[in-house]
Amino acid sequence: MNKKYDVIVVGAGNAGLAFACTATKNGLKTLVIERNILPGGCATSFVRGRFEYESSLHELANVGTEENPGSVRQLFESYKAKVNWVNEENAFRVIADGENGYDATMPAGVEAFADKMEELVSGSRESVIALFDLAKKAEAAIAYLSQGKADPMVMMSEHADFMRMASHSVDECLNALGMPEKAQNIVKTYWPYLGASTDKLDLAHYLIMMARYIAGSPAMPLMKSHELSLALDDVIRRNGGEIFYNTEVKEIITENGKAIGVRIDEGEIYADCVVANCFPETAFSKMMDSKAVPQKALRLANARKKGELFFTVYLGLNRSAQELGIKDYSVFLFNSPDSLQQYRSMDSFDESFVIVNCLNTVIPTASEEGTCTLFLTTMLSESAWAGVNEENYKEIKNRIAKRMIELYEEKLNLSVKPYIEEIVIATPSTFARYLNTPNGTPYGYEVQPWDTMMARIMNANNEQFVENLYFVGAHGDRADGYSSAYSNGNSTAGKILREVKNSGKA
């Protein structure tokens, strides 16, 4: 196999697919290689009995509506990718136990969200509106920074508010706004979607993510996440790209410090650049000659903290959501109103928070008539899962699943156990086998004070340690999330296209 491409994409996850769509749309000869038999990575589903389950999808951020499209909808439309989006009217429901606990159902839309917050916490509306105004400023600043080679004078003059908040945590900034404590706790509900504690997570990053859900209206594809992945597969092929499924990249080939292609079982394939939709250390340790990996690349990868681990219980119930009294699409069940305590709960099998989604409340046809599906997810720290071994794996797996189901029944005053027809339990080990990520984390690197979104964007050029080798995915500048992955793949393709143009090869 001596074919030559402009770019080879290793992995057909969300970011890899978005990258390939942008690349092929702009005329780059592109090959995507995926070791699984289907595209999408986390954007896929599986079948057990008569139920089809989403492997990980909950609502996407920044889709928006037809009348007011968000960046994700606009990106798919720019690709001419056909997706039937369905919007959810509520952002989330959160039930927090403990002293000063609460049960709050928060609507989508800035004004509606602020009104509901004022109803729950008198005197909070002004600070909530101010928060969303800051989110707009953060979006504008990040858009400017993402263009590359930002002018410090422009940042200080046109994005002064962003510069003031960029180095401060969510907790610090909410306190500075004078937001009441209960309102702060409710506003911080989405922190698990970034997997970092709010005393360390920078406000700008969190605000952009939160506003994209609430202001943009959460949305999901009518035909489940396969609709997203297959739509992007179609875009790539229509624009002349190629995709090899069920094909594993054995090696990323380098020569004189440059990535020049890949090796698969059938032979070597060459390209002007290689884009890896995987963790850098996965590529460095499993796909590359150790002599070709600079020590500073390894040091940076080792310095970063890997994201938290997922444990998900998928239920197929032989009653409809309406019959069971299930009304909420997304419910966060916390053991405390304090986000730091919520974060620390991941260290315990018996205390970790639970997020429950019922797709049928938004899309009644998500399963057969008279049935519904639930998926319950908790997140665990690496240290919590470290004590699991071959001898206790089954007992611990079943114990965690049982607790999660019973917690949902208790807090929502529902009965679901008698109606379980199918149950599937995915542990961190399950995710590790499918995703091929360190410890199975679907998230990338946990955001740290020294490793914020702004720092990652500003240092992106300094982190390309192997010439012509690029990385896309959940470990990228905006961390995890479907919307973030699409953005990351698209922006990386734009960077390469600019480099091609500047080199005179275009």
Protein backbone atom coordinates (compact mmCIF):
# COMPACT_ATOMS: atom_id res chain seq x y z
CA MET A 1 0.00 0.00 0.00
CA ASN A 2 1.88 3.01 -1.24
CA LYS A 3 -0.95 5.53 -1.40
CA LYS A 4 -0.10 9.11 -0.44
CA TYR A 5 -2.56 11.43 1.29
CA ASP A 6 -2.50 15.01 2.46
CA VAL A 7 -3.60 13.86 5.89
CA ILE A 8 -4.29 10.60 7.72
CA VAL A 9 -6.66 10.71 10.69
CA VAL A 10 -6.10 7.99 13.29
CA GLY A 11 -9.47 7.38 14.96
CA ALA A 12 -13.04 8.19 13.92
CA GLY A 13 -14.16 9.71 17.22
CA ASN A 14 -16.09 12.97 17.25
CA ALA A 15 -13.05 15.20 16.86
CA GLY A 16 -11.49 12.99 14.18
CA LEU A 17 -14.70 13.01 12.15
CA ALA A 18 -15.09 16.78 12.43
CA PHE A 19 -11.47 17.27 11.42
CA ALA A 20 -11.92 15.04 8.36
CA CYS A 21 -15.12 16.85 7.34
CA THR A 22 -13.39 20.23 7.40
CA ALA A 23 -10.29 18.86 5.68
CA THR A 24 -12.16 17.12 2.84
CA LYS A 25 -14.52 20.06 2.41
CA ASN A 26 -11.46 22.21 1.75
CA GLY A 27 -9.86 19.83 -0.72
CA LEU A 28 -7.37 17.87 1.38
CA LYS A 29 -6.96 14.24 0.34
CA THR A 30 -7.93 12.55 3.59
CA LEU A 31 -7.93 9.01 4.97
CA VAL A 32 -9.61 8.12 8.28
CA ILE A 33 -8.58 4.85 9.97
CA GLU A 34 -10.72 3.43 12.78
CA ARG A 35 -10.06 0.24 14.75
CA ASN A 36 -13.75 -0.31 15.59
CA ILE A 37 -16.39 -1.34 13.06
CA LEU A 38 -18.40 1.87 13.50
CA PRO A 39 -17.58 5.60 13.64
CA GLY A 40 -18.18 7.94 16.52
CA GLY A 41 -16.25 6.68 19.53
CA CYS A 42 -18.57 7.72 22.36
CA ALA A 43 -21.13 8.85 19.77
CA THR A 44 -22.51 5.40 19.17
CA SER A 45 -25.15 3.03 20.51
CA PHE A 46 -25.58 -0.67 21.16
CA VAL A 47 -28.49 -3.13 21.31
CA ARG A 48 -29.50 -5.56 24.04
CA GLY A 49 -32.75 -7.43 23.54
CA ARG A 50 -35.29 -5.03 22.10
CA PHE A 51 -33.54 -1.92 23.46
CA GLU A 52 -31.02 0.36 21.80
CA TYR A 53 -28.88 2.29 24.28
CA GLU A 54 -26.72 5.33 23.83
CA SER A 55 -23.22 4.45 24.95
CA SER A 56 -22.65 7.90 26.44
CA LEU A 57 -24.70 10.63 24.77
CA HIS A 58 -26.65 13.10 26.80
CA GLU A 59 -27.81 16.45 25.44
CA LEU A 60 -25.38 18.49 23.33
CA ALA A 61 -24.54 22.09 24.10
CA ASN A 62 -24.67 25.02 21.69
CA VAL A 63 -26.94 23.40 19.12
CA GLY A 64 -29.56 26.08 19.38
CA THR A 65 -32.72 26.18 17.32
CA GLU A 66 -33.43 26.62 13.61
CA GLU A 67 -34.28 30.27 14.28
CA ASN A 68 -31.26 30.86 16.50
CA PRO A 69 -28.65 28.23 15.61
CA GLY A 70 -25.65 27.62 17.84
CA SER A 71 -22.16 26.80 16.65
CA VAL A 72 -22.73 23.02 16.56
CA ARG A 73 -25.80 23.31 14.36
CA GLN A 74 -24.01 25.85 12.19
CA LEU A 75 -21.00 23.53 11.83
CA PHE A 76 -23.15 20.58 10.75
CA GLU A 77 -25.03 22.83 8.34
CA SER A 78 -21.76 24.08 6.87
CA TYR A 79 -20.86 20.43 6.20
CA LYS A 80 -24.34 19.83 4.71
CA ALA A 81 -24.67 17.04 7.27
CA LYS A 82 -28.29 16.08 7.79
CA VAL A 83 -29.25 15.77 11.45
CA ASN A 84 -32.74 15.94 12.94
CA TRP A 85 -32.27 17.88 16.15
CA VAL A 86 -34.72 17.74 19.06
CA ASN A 87 -34.55 20.43 21.76
CA GLU A 88 -35.16 19.96 25.47
CA GLU A 89 -37.00 22.76 27.29
CA ASN A 90 -35.31 22.25 30.65
CA ALA A 91 -31.59 22.53 31.28
CA PHE A 92 -31.52 20.15 34.25
CA ARG A 93 -33.10 19.07 37.51
CA VAL A 94 -30.81 18.87 40.53
CA ILE A 95 -31.52 17.28 43.90
CA ALA A 96 -28.91 18.00 46.55
CA ASP A 97 -29.09 16.36 49.99
CA GLY A 98 -27.76 17.67 53.26
CA GLU A 99 -27.99 20.93 55.12
CA ASN A 100 -29.39 23.70 52.89
CA GLY A 101 -30.18 21.08 50.23
CA TYR A 102 -32.64 21.72 47.44
CA ASP A 103 -34.63 20.25 44.56
CA ALA A 104 -34.55 22.60 41.57
CA THR A 105 -35.71 22.19 37.98
CA MET A 106 -34.00 24.83 35.85
CA PRO A 107 -35.33 25.86 32.43
CA ALA A 108 -33.27 26.60 29.35
CA GLY A 109 -33.02 30.21 28.16
CA VAL A 110 -31.19 32.97 30.01
CA GLU A 111 -34.24 34.98 31.07
CA ALA A 112 -36.21 31.92 32.11
CA PHE A 113 -33.22 30.55 34.01
CA ALA A 114 -32.66 33.86 35.82
CA ASP A 115 -36.36 34.18 36.66
CA LYS A 116 -36.46 30.68 38.11
CA MET A 117 -33.33 31.37 40.14
CA GLU A 118 -34.88 34.53 41.57
CA GLU A 119 -37.93 32.48 42.52
CA LEU A 120 -35.70 29.97 44.34
CA VAL A 121 -33.19 32.47 45.75
CA SER A 122 -34.46 35.99 46.29
CA GLY A 123 -31.99 38.65 45.23
CA SER A 124 -30.00 36.40 42.86
CA ARG A 125 -31.30 37.52 39.46
CA GLU A 126 -28.92 40.42 38.89
CA SER A 127 -25.81 38.32 39.55
CA VAL A 128 -27.10 35.49 37.32
CA ILE A 129 -27.67 37.88 34.41
CA ALA A 130 -24.20 39.34 35.00
CA LEU A 131 -22.80 35.81 34.80
CA PHE A 132 -24.30 35.21 31.36
CA ASP A 133 -23.03 38.61 30.19
CA LEU A 134 -19.54 37.49 31.24
CA ALA A 135 -20.08 34.26 29.30
CA LYS A 136 -20.60 36.24 26.09
CA LYS A 137 -17.38 38.14 26.72
CA ALA A 138 -15.53 34.90 27.38
CA GLU A 139 -16.81 33.43 24.10
CA ALA A 140 -15.62 36.49 22.17
CA ALA A 141 -12.18 36.39 23.78
CA ILE A 142 -11.68 32.67 23.18
CA ALA A 143 -12.78 33.08 19.56
CA TYR A 144 -10.08 35.75 19.15
CA LEU A 145 -7.42 33.66 20.91
CA SER A 146 -8.26 30.63 18.77
CA GLN A 147 -7.24 32.53 15.64
CA GLY A 148 -3.63 32.29 16.80
CA LYS A 149 -0.96 34.94 17.51
CA ALA A 150 -3.17 37.10 19.72
CA ASP A 151 -2.11 40.72 20.26
CA PRO A 152 -1.74 41.42 24.01
CA MET A 153 -2.90 45.02 23.46
CA VAL A 154 -6.11 43.80 21.83
CA MET A 155 -6.69 41.40 24.72
CA MET A 156 -6.22 44.14 27.30
CA SER A 157 -8.32 46.74 25.49
CA GLU A 158 -11.13 44.71 23.91
CA HIS A 159 -11.28 41.74 26.26
CA ALA A 160 -10.47 43.32 29.60
CA ASP A 161 -13.25 41.54 31.52
CA PHE A 162 -12.05 38.20 30.21
CA MET A 163 -8.49 38.97 31.28
CA ARG A 164 -9.74 39.77 34.78
CA MET A 165 -11.66 36.51 35.16
CA ALA A 166 -9.40 34.17 33.20
CA SER A 167 -7.00 33.49 36.04
CA HIS A 168 -9.69 33.01 38.68
CA SER A 169 -11.72 29.98 39.66
CA VAL A 170 -15.48 29.56 39.43
CA ASP A 171 -15.78 29.89 43.21
CA GLU A 172 -13.70 33.06 43.38
CA CYS A 173 -15.66 34.81 40.65
CA LEU A 174 -19.12 33.84 41.90
CA ASN A 175 -18.18 35.23 45.28
CA ALA A 176 -16.91 38.41 43.65
CA LEU A 177 -20.26 38.83 41.88
CA GLY A 178 -22.02 38.69 45.24
CA MET A 179 -24.15 35.73 44.18
CA PRO A 180 -26.00 34.10 47.10
CA GLU A 181 -24.61 30.72 48.18
CA LYS A 182 -27.64 28.66 47.17
CA ALA A 183 -27.70 30.27 43.73
CA GLN A 184 -23.98 29.56 43.38
CA ASN A 185 -24.56 25.91 44.18
CA ILE A 186 -27.30 25.59 41.57
CA VAL A 187 -25.25 27.44 38.95
CA LYS A 188 -22.37 25.02 39.53
CA THR A 189 -24.51 21.92 38.81
CA TYR A 190 -22.83 21.28 35.44
CA TRP A 191 -19.32 20.87 36.88
CA PRO A 192 -19.30 17.05 36.26
CA TYR A 193 -19.50 17.77 32.53
CA LEU A 194 -15.94 19.13 32.81
CA GLY A 195 -14.94 16.83 35.67
CA ALA A 196 -12.99 19.41 37.67
CA SER A 197 -13.70 20.96 41.07
CA THR A 198 -15.00 24.52 40.98
CA ASP A 199 -12.30 25.79 43.34
CA LYS A 200 -9.77 24.98 40.57
CA LEU A 201 -11.80 25.21 37.37
CA ASP A 202 -11.40 28.60 35.69
CA LEU A 203 -14.59 30.63 35.37
CA ALA A 204 -14.26 31.39 31.66
CA HIS A 205 -14.15 27.69 30.73
CA TYR A 206 -17.12 26.83 32.92
CA LEU A 207 -19.15 29.85 31.81
CA ILE A 208 -18.75 29.05 28.13
CA MET A 209 -19.90 25.48 28.68
CA MET A 210 -22.80 26.42 30.98
CA ALA A 211 -24.06 29.20 28.74
CA ARG A 212 -23.94 26.95 25.70
CA TYR A 213 -26.34 24.56 27.41
CA ILE A 214 -28.66 27.11 28.96
CA ALA A 215 -28.68 29.98 26.46
CA GLY A 216 -28.43 27.70 23.44
CA SER A 217 -31.06 25.18 24.56
CA PRO A 218 -29.92 21.55 25.02
CA ALA A 219 -30.53 19.31 22.02
CA MET A 220 -30.04 15.75 20.82
CA PRO A 221 -30.34 13.87 17.51
CA LEU A 222 -33.71 12.23 16.86
CA MET A 223 -32.15 8.94 15.72
CA LYS A 224 -29.57 8.76 18.52
CA SER A 225 -25.89 9.53 18.22
CA HIS A 226 -25.38 7.21 15.25
CA GLU A 227 -27.22 9.91 13.31
CA LEU A 228 -24.39 12.32 14.09
CA SER A 229 -21.57 9.91 13.29
CA LEU A 230 -23.10 8.54 10.10
CA ALA A 231 -23.93 12.05 8.89
CA LEU A 232 -20.26 13.01 9.25
CA ASP A 233 -19.16 9.74 7.61
CA ASP A 234 -21.36 10.68 4.66
CA VAL A 235 -19.82 14.17 4.47
CA ILE A 236 -16.30 12.77 4.36
CA ARG A 237 -17.15 10.31 1.59
CA ARG A 238 -19.11 12.86 -0.46
CA ASN A 239 -16.08 15.14 -0.40
CA GLY A 240 -13.76 12.43 -1.64
CA GLY A 241 -12.36 11.20 1.68
CA GLU A 242 -11.77 7.55 2.51
CA ILE A 243 -12.51 5.64 5.71
CA PHE A 244 -11.07 2.29 6.77
CA TYR A 245 -13.07 0.64 9.55
CA ASN A 246 -12.01 -2.42 11.54
CA THR A 247 -8.42 -1.37 10.88
CA GLU A 248 -5.90 -0.69 13.60
CA VAL A 249 -2.94 1.62 13.23
CA LYS A 250 0.08 -0.33 14.44
CA GLU A 251 2.56 2.50 14.14
CA ILE A 252 2.79 6.20 13.38
CA ILE A 253 5.82 6.36 11.13
CA THR A 254 8.35 9.12 11.72
CA GLU A 255 11.46 10.13 9.82
CA ASN A 256 13.93 12.83 10.84
CA GLY A 257 11.59 14.05 13.56
CA LYS A 258 8.55 14.26 11.27
CA ALA A 259 5.40 12.17 11.06
CA ILE A 260 5.18 10.80 7.51
CA GLY A 261 2.49 8.13 7.66
CA VAL A 262 1.15 5.06 9.42
CA ARG A 263 1.53 1.31 9.32
CA ILE A 264 -1.44 -1.06 9.33
CA ASP A 265 -1.52 -4.83 8.82
CA GLU A 266 -1.76 -4.37 5.06
CA GLY A 267 1.30 -2.14 4.84
CA GLU A 268 2.49 1.45 5.11
CA ILE A 269 0.46 4.50 4.08
CA TYR A 270 2.06 7.93 3.74
CA ALA A 271 0.79 11.47 4.26
CA ASP A 272 2.00 15.03 4.65
CA CYS A 273 0.63 15.01 8.21
CA VAL A 274 -0.98 12.66 10.71
CA VAL A 275 -3.81 13.62 13.06
CA ALA A 276 -4.32 11.36 16.07
CA ASN A 277 -7.75 11.29 17.69
CA CYS A 278 -6.37 9.79 20.91
CA PHE A 279 -4.47 10.66 24.06
CA PRO A 280 -0.91 11.76 23.30
CA GLU A 281 0.56 9.14 25.63
CA THR A 282 -1.43 6.44 23.82
CA ALA A 283 0.26 7.43 20.59
CA PHE A 284 3.66 7.89 22.22
CA SER A 285 3.66 4.56 24.06
CA LYS A 286 1.75 2.28 21.69
CA MET A 287 2.13 3.70 18.19
CA MET A 288 5.56 5.30 17.99
CA ASP A 289 9.20 4.37 18.27
CA SER A 290 10.25 5.60 21.71
CA LYS A 291 13.31 7.27 20.16
CA ALA A 292 11.01 9.46 18.07
CA VAL A 293 9.17 10.87 21.10
CA PRO A 294 10.79 13.96 22.66
CA GLN A 295 11.26 13.77 26.43
CA LYS A 296 9.42 17.06 26.96
CA ALA A 297 6.34 15.56 25.29
CA LEU A 298 6.38 12.68 27.74
CA ARG A 299 6.95 15.00 30.69
CA LEU A 300 3.96 17.14 29.79
CA ALA A 301 1.69 14.14 29.26
CA ASN A 302 2.76 12.69 32.61
CA ALA A 303 2.27 16.02 34.37
CA ARG A 304 -1.35 16.33 33.36
CA LYS A 305 -4.05 14.69 35.44
CA LYS A 306 -6.23 12.26 33.54
CA GLY A 307 -9.97 12.73 33.66
CA GLU A 308 -12.29 10.87 35.98
CA LEU A 309 -13.63 7.39 35.28
CA PHE A 310 -17.17 6.53 34.26
CA PHE A 311 -19.52 3.85 35.57
CA THR A 312 -22.84 3.59 33.72
CA VAL A 313 -25.91 1.42 34.24
CA TYR A 314 -28.19 1.04 31.23
CA LEU A 315 -31.77 -0.04 31.96
CA GLY A 316 -34.44 -1.23 29.53
CA LEU A 317 -37.81 -0.95 31.28
CA ASN A 318 -41.01 -2.68 30.15
CA ARG A 319 -43.17 0.31 31.02
CA SER A 320 -43.31 3.74 29.43
CA ALA A 321 -41.80 6.76 31.13
CA GLN A 322 -45.30 8.15 31.58
CA GLU A 323 -46.53 4.94 33.25
CA LEU A 324 -43.56 4.99 35.64
CA GLY A 325 -43.99 8.67 36.45
CA ILE A 326 -40.63 9.66 34.94
CA LYS A 327 -40.87 13.30 33.88
CA ASP A 328 -37.27 14.54 33.86
CA TYR A 329 -34.78 14.01 31.08
CA SER A 330 -31.70 14.90 33.13
CA VAL A 331 -31.43 14.68 36.93
CA PHE A 332 -28.31 15.30 39.03
CA LEU A 333 -28.36 13.53 42.42
CA PHE A 334 -25.78 15.02 44.79
CA ASN A 335 -25.02 14.05 48.39
CA SER A 336 -24.37 17.69 49.28
CA PRO A 337 -25.14 21.16 47.89
CA ASP A 338 -21.41 21.96 48.08
CA SER A 339 -19.61 21.29 44.78
CA LEU A 340 -16.31 20.46 46.50
CA GLN A 341 -18.04 17.74 48.53
CA GLN A 342 -19.66 16.52 45.34
CA TYR A 343 -16.25 16.31 43.69
CA ARG A 344 -14.76 14.46 46.66
CA SER A 345 -17.62 11.95 46.59
CA MET A 346 -15.97 10.36 43.55
CA ASP A 347 -13.45 8.78 45.93
CA SER A 348 -16.15 6.47 47.31
CA PHE A 349 -18.27 3.79 45.62
CA ASP A 350 -20.99 4.42 48.19
CA GLU A 351 -21.09 8.22 48.10
CA SER A 352 -20.48 9.27 44.48
CA PHE A 353 -23.11 11.40 42.78
CA VAL A 354 -25.41 10.00 40.10
CA ILE A 355 -26.68 11.58 36.87
CA VAL A 356 -29.77 9.96 35.35
CA ASN A 357 -31.07 10.48 31.80
CA CYS A 358 -34.32 9.29 30.22
CA LEU A 359 -34.28 9.96 26.50
CA ASN A 360 -37.96 8.97 26.16
CA THR A 361 -39.06 12.15 27.95
CA VAL A 362 -37.75 14.15 25.01
CA ILE A 363 -38.03 11.58 22.22
CA PRO A 364 -40.95 9.21 23.00
CA THR A 365 -39.94 6.94 20.10
CA ALA A 366 -36.46 6.35 21.57
CA SER A 367 -37.66 2.83 22.46
CA GLU A 368 -40.66 0.65 21.62
CA GLU A 369 -44.11 1.82 22.65
CA GLY A 370 -44.83 0.88 26.24
CA THR A 371 -41.13 0.86 27.19
CA CYS A 372 -38.40 3.31 28.07
CA THR A 373 -34.67 3.37 28.74
CA LEU A 374 -32.72 4.94 31.56
CA PHE A 375 -29.03 5.37 31.88
CA LEU A 376 -27.48 6.17 35.23
CA THR A 377 -23.91 7.44 35.38
CA THR A 378 -21.52 8.07 38.22
CA MET A 379 -17.92 9.18 38.08
CA LEU A 380 -15.12 7.65 40.12
CA SER A 381 -11.60 8.77 40.87
CA GLU A 382 -8.68 6.67 39.75
CA SER A 383 -7.87 5.87 43.38
CA ALA A 384 -11.42 4.64 44.03
CA TRP A 385 -11.26 2.14 41.18
CA ALA A 386 -7.68 1.09 41.94
CA GLY A 387 -8.84 -1.36 44.60
CA VAL A 388 -10.93 -3.38 42.15
CA ASN A 389 -9.42 -6.69 41.07
CA GLU A 390 -10.47 -9.90 39.36
CA GLU A 391 -11.75 -11.40 42.61
CA ASN A 392 -14.00 -8.52 43.72
CA TYR A 393 -14.91 -7.04 40.32
CA LYS A 394 -18.36 -8.63 40.01
CA GLU A 395 -19.37 -7.92 43.60
CA ILE A 396 -18.32 -4.26 43.42
CA LYS A 397 -19.89 -3.77 40.00
CA ASN A 398 -23.25 -5.08 41.18
CA ARG A 399 -23.03 -3.15 44.45
CA ILE A 400 -22.49 0.16 42.69
CA ALA A 401 -25.27 -0.50 40.17
CA LYS A 402 -27.73 -1.45 42.93
CA ARG A 403 -26.96 1.70 44.91
CA MET A 404 -27.41 3.93 41.87
CA ILE A 405 -30.81 2.44 40.98
CA GLU A 406 -32.07 2.58 44.56
CA LEU A 407 -30.86 6.17 44.98
CA TYR A 408 -32.82 7.20 41.89
CA GLU A 409 -35.94 5.42 43.14
CA GLU A 410 -35.63 7.02 46.57
CA LYS A 411 -34.96 10.59 45.47
CA LEU A 412 -37.55 10.62 42.70
CA ASN A 413 -40.09 8.54 44.65
CA LEU A 414 -40.33 6.10 41.75
CA SER A 415 -40.25 2.34 41.31
CA VAL A 416 -38.16 0.99 38.42
CA LYS A 417 -36.56 -2.26 39.65
CA PRO A 418 -39.71 -4.42 39.10
CA TYR A 419 -39.83 -3.30 35.46
CA ILE A 420 -36.25 -3.98 34.42
CA GLU A 421 -36.24 -6.16 31.30
CA GLU A 422 -32.62 -5.57 30.31
CA ILE A 423 -29.68 -4.26 32.31
CA VAL A 424 -26.15 -3.57 31.10
CA ILE A 425 -23.37 -2.36 33.40
CA ALA A 426 -20.36 -0.56 31.95
CA THR A 427 -17.43 -0.11 34.32
CA PRO A 428 -14.18 1.82 33.75
CA SER A 429 -12.76 -1.47 32.46
CA THR A 430 -15.54 -1.63 29.85
CA PHE A 431 -14.79 1.89 28.66
CA ALA A 432 -11.06 1.10 28.57
CA ARG A 433 -11.61 -1.82 26.19
CA TYR A 434 -13.78 0.19 23.83
CA LEU A 435 -12.21 3.64 23.95
CA ASN A 436 -8.56 2.60 24.33
CA THR A 437 -7.97 5.51 26.71
CA PRO A 438 -5.89 5.55 29.91
CA ASN A 439 -7.93 3.74 32.57
CA GLY A 440 -10.95 4.05 30.28
CA THR A 441 -11.64 7.72 30.95
CA PRO A 442 -13.96 9.25 28.30
CA TYR A 443 -12.71 12.64 29.49
CA GLY A 444 -9.37 14.03 28.51
CA TYR A 445 -7.04 15.71 30.96
CA GLU A 446 -8.70 17.25 33.99
CA VAL A 447 -8.42 21.03 33.89
CA GLN A 448 -5.98 22.34 36.50
CA PRO A 449 -5.07 25.92 37.52
CA TRP A 450 -1.85 25.65 35.47
CA ASP A 451 -3.57 23.82 32.61
CA THR A 452 -6.65 25.89 31.82
CA MET A 453 -8.43 26.25 28.52
CA MET A 454 -6.73 29.60 27.96
CA ALA A 455 -3.29 28.13 28.72
CA ARG A 456 -3.89 25.25 26.32
CA ILE A 457 -4.99 27.56 23.52
CA MET A 458 -2.06 29.93 24.05
CA ASN A 459 0.47 27.09 24.21
CA ALA A 460 -0.93 24.98 21.37
CA ASN A 461 1.93 25.76 19.00
CA ASN A 462 4.51 24.96 21.66
CA GLU A 463 2.98 21.56 22.27
CA GLN A 464 3.46 20.20 18.77
CA PHE A 465 6.50 18.17 19.72
CA VAL A 466 6.66 16.04 16.58
CA GLU A 467 6.49 17.92 13.31
CA ASN A 468 3.43 17.13 11.19
CA LEU A 469 1.81 15.18 14.06
CA TYR A 470 -1.34 16.75 15.52
CA PHE A 471 -3.75 15.62 18.24
CA VAL A 472 -7.50 16.12 18.49
CA GLY A 473 -10.05 14.91 21.02
CA ALA A 474 -11.26 15.21 24.58
CA HIS A 475 -7.77 16.00 25.85
CA GLY A 476 -7.71 19.16 23.72
CA ASP A 477 -8.10 22.82 24.57
CA ARG A 478 -11.78 22.72 25.59
CA ALA A 479 -11.64 19.36 27.35
CA ASP A 480 -14.47 16.85 27.04
CA GLY A 481 -17.91 16.98 25.47
CA TYR A 482 -19.36 16.28 22.05
CA SER A 483 -19.63 19.97 21.19
CA SER A 484 -16.07 20.62 22.37
CA ALA A 485 -14.74 17.69 20.34
CA TYR A 486 -16.39 18.91 17.14
CA SER A 487 -14.99 22.39 17.76
CA ASN A 488 -11.52 21.00 18.47
CA GLY A 489 -11.48 18.88 15.31
CA ASN A 490 -12.70 21.75 13.15
CA SER A 491 -10.24 24.30 14.58
CA THR A 492 -7.27 21.92 14.19
CA ALA A 493 -8.22 21.37 10.54
CA GLY A 494 -8.37 25.13 10.09
CA LYS A 495 -4.87 25.44 11.54
CA ILE A 496 -3.47 22.86 9.10
CA LEU A 497 -5.26 24.49 6.18
CA ARG A 498 -3.67 27.83 7.08
CA GLU A 499 -0.26 26.18 7.25
CA VAL A 500 -0.79 24.56 3.85
CA LYS A 501 -1.81 27.91 2.40
CA ASN A 502 1.19 29.70 3.88
CA SER A 503 3.55 27.01 2.61
CA GLY A 504 2.40 27.64 -0.95
CA LYS A 505 1.27 24.03 -1.46
CA ALA A 506 -2.40 24.97 -1.77
